């Protein structure tokens, strides 16, 4: 496509910039932030809104490190009250708190 060889040793960042292809991890993070804002602003009692705050408490937790949850990255970047922040900004300023590199870890 660009006429490059492995011997050229050009970094992937520059190749993506020339081909205008977005990194898959960065795109996944952007879509996750959009979806989180969309779910936080939902007010009509959809199952996605209900399951956002649901944690199963019947069984015992397994030993070891706690598993990462879907919202852990968002909580780490914005704080525990991220749903309130997304609702208050009404979608306009929600994309702003996303980390510059696309993903928070």
Protein backbone atom coordinates (compact mmCIF):
# COMPACT_ATOMS: atom_id res chain seq x y z
CA UNK A 1 0.00 0.00 0.00
CA UNK A 2 2.73 2.48 0.94
CA UNK A 3 5.63 0.56 -0.54
CA UNK A 4 7.25 0.04 2.85
CA UNK A 5 9.31 -2.90 3.99
CA UNK A 6 10.06 -4.20 7.48
CA UNK A 7 13.69 -3.18 6.94
CA UNK A 8 12.56 0.47 6.80
CA UNK A 9 11.76 0.27 10.55
CA UNK A 10 9.05 2.92 10.49
CA UNK A 11 6.94 3.10 13.64
CA UNK A 12 3.29 2.11 13.47
CA UNK A 13 2.26 5.59 14.62
CA UNK A 14 3.66 7.16 11.47
CA UNK A 15 2.19 4.47 9.23
CA UNK A 16 -1.26 4.97 10.79
CA UNK A 17 -0.95 8.71 10.34
CA UNK A 18 -0.11 8.32 6.64
CA UNK A 19 -2.89 5.80 6.00
CA UNK A 20 -5.39 7.63 8.26
CA UNK A 21 -6.23 4.43 10.12
CA UNK A 22 -7.21 4.70 13.79
CA UNK A 23 -5.57 2.39 16.33
CA UNK A 24 -8.01 -0.36 17.37
CA UNK A 25 -7.41 0.16 21.11
CA UNK A 26 -7.96 3.91 20.80
CA UNK A 27 -11.15 3.41 18.77
CA UNK A 28 -12.47 0.91 21.31
CA UNK A 29 -11.86 3.40 24.12
CA UNK A 30 -13.57 6.23 22.24
CA UNK A 31 -16.61 4.06 21.57
CA UNK A 32 -16.67 2.93 25.21
CA UNK A 33 -16.75 6.57 26.40
CA UNK A 34 -19.55 7.42 23.97
CA UNK A 35 -21.57 4.41 25.09
CA UNK A 36 -21.00 5.23 28.78
CA UNK A 37 -22.30 8.76 28.27
CA UNK A 38 -25.28 7.48 26.33
CA UNK A 39 -26.19 4.96 29.04
CA UNK A 40 -25.70 7.47 31.87
CA UNK A 41 -28.10 9.91 30.21
CA UNK A 42 -30.82 7.29 29.61
CA UNK A 43 -33.85 8.04 31.77
CA UNK A 44 -36.57 5.68 30.60
CA UNK A 45 -35.61 2.65 32.72
CA UNK A 46 -33.96 0.55 30.01
CA UNK A 47 -32.20 -2.62 31.07
CA UNK A 48 -28.83 -1.11 30.14
CA UNK A 49 -29.37 1.64 32.71
CA UNK A 50 -30.51 -0.85 35.36
CA UNK A 51 -27.63 -3.24 34.81
CA UNK A 52 -25.12 -0.41 35.06
CA UNK A 53 -25.65 -0.23 38.84
CA UNK A 54 -26.35 -3.95 39.43
CA UNK A 55 -23.80 -6.13 41.20
CA UNK A 56 -24.57 -9.80 41.90
CA UNK A 57 -24.25 -10.41 45.64
CA UNK A 58 -25.57 -13.98 46.02
CA UNK A 59 -22.36 -15.93 45.48
CA UNK A 60 -19.07 -15.62 47.26
CA UNK A 61 -16.35 -13.71 45.50
CA UNK A 62 -13.42 -15.72 44.16
CA UNK A 63 -10.00 -15.44 45.79
CA UNK A 64 -7.37 -13.12 44.42
CA UNK A 65 -7.42 -9.79 42.72
CA UNK A 66 -10.87 -8.35 41.98
CA UNK A 67 -11.87 -8.59 38.35
CA UNK A 68 -11.88 -5.43 36.29
CA UNK A 69 -15.29 -4.07 35.60
CA UNK A 70 -16.42 -2.25 32.50
CA UNK A 71 -16.67 1.05 34.35
CA UNK A 72 -13.29 0.89 36.15
CA UNK A 73 -11.47 2.85 33.42
CA UNK A 74 -14.10 5.57 33.47
CA UNK A 75 -14.08 5.79 37.27
CA UNK A 76 -10.29 6.03 37.23
CA UNK A 77 -10.31 8.93 34.75
CA UNK A 78 -13.36 10.92 35.89
CA UNK A 79 -14.29 9.73 39.36
CA UNK A 80 -16.96 7.64 41.03
CA UNK A 81 -19.72 10.10 40.13
CA UNK A 82 -19.20 9.78 36.37
CA UNK A 83 -22.88 9.05 35.70
CA UNK A 84 -23.89 12.35 37.29
CA UNK A 85 -21.23 14.19 35.30
CA UNK A 86 -22.47 12.66 32.04
CA UNK A 87 -26.07 13.62 32.84
CA UNK A 88 -25.21 17.19 33.83
CA UNK A 89 -23.17 17.92 30.72
CA UNK A 90 -26.01 16.58 28.57
CA UNK A 91 -23.56 15.00 26.13
CA UNK A 92 -21.84 18.23 25.09
CA UNK A 93 -18.86 18.18 27.46
CA UNK A 94 -18.79 14.45 28.09
CA UNK A 95 -16.12 13.67 25.51
CA UNK A 96 -13.77 16.23 27.07
CA UNK A 97 -12.68 14.24 30.16
CA UNK A 98 -11.41 11.36 28.02
CA UNK A 99 -7.62 10.89 28.31
CA UNK A 100 -5.51 12.39 25.52
CA UNK A 101 -3.95 9.09 24.44
CA UNK A 102 -7.33 7.41 24.00
CA UNK A 103 -7.12 4.95 26.86
CA UNK A 104 -6.68 5.48 30.54
CA UNK A 105 -4.23 2.71 31.39
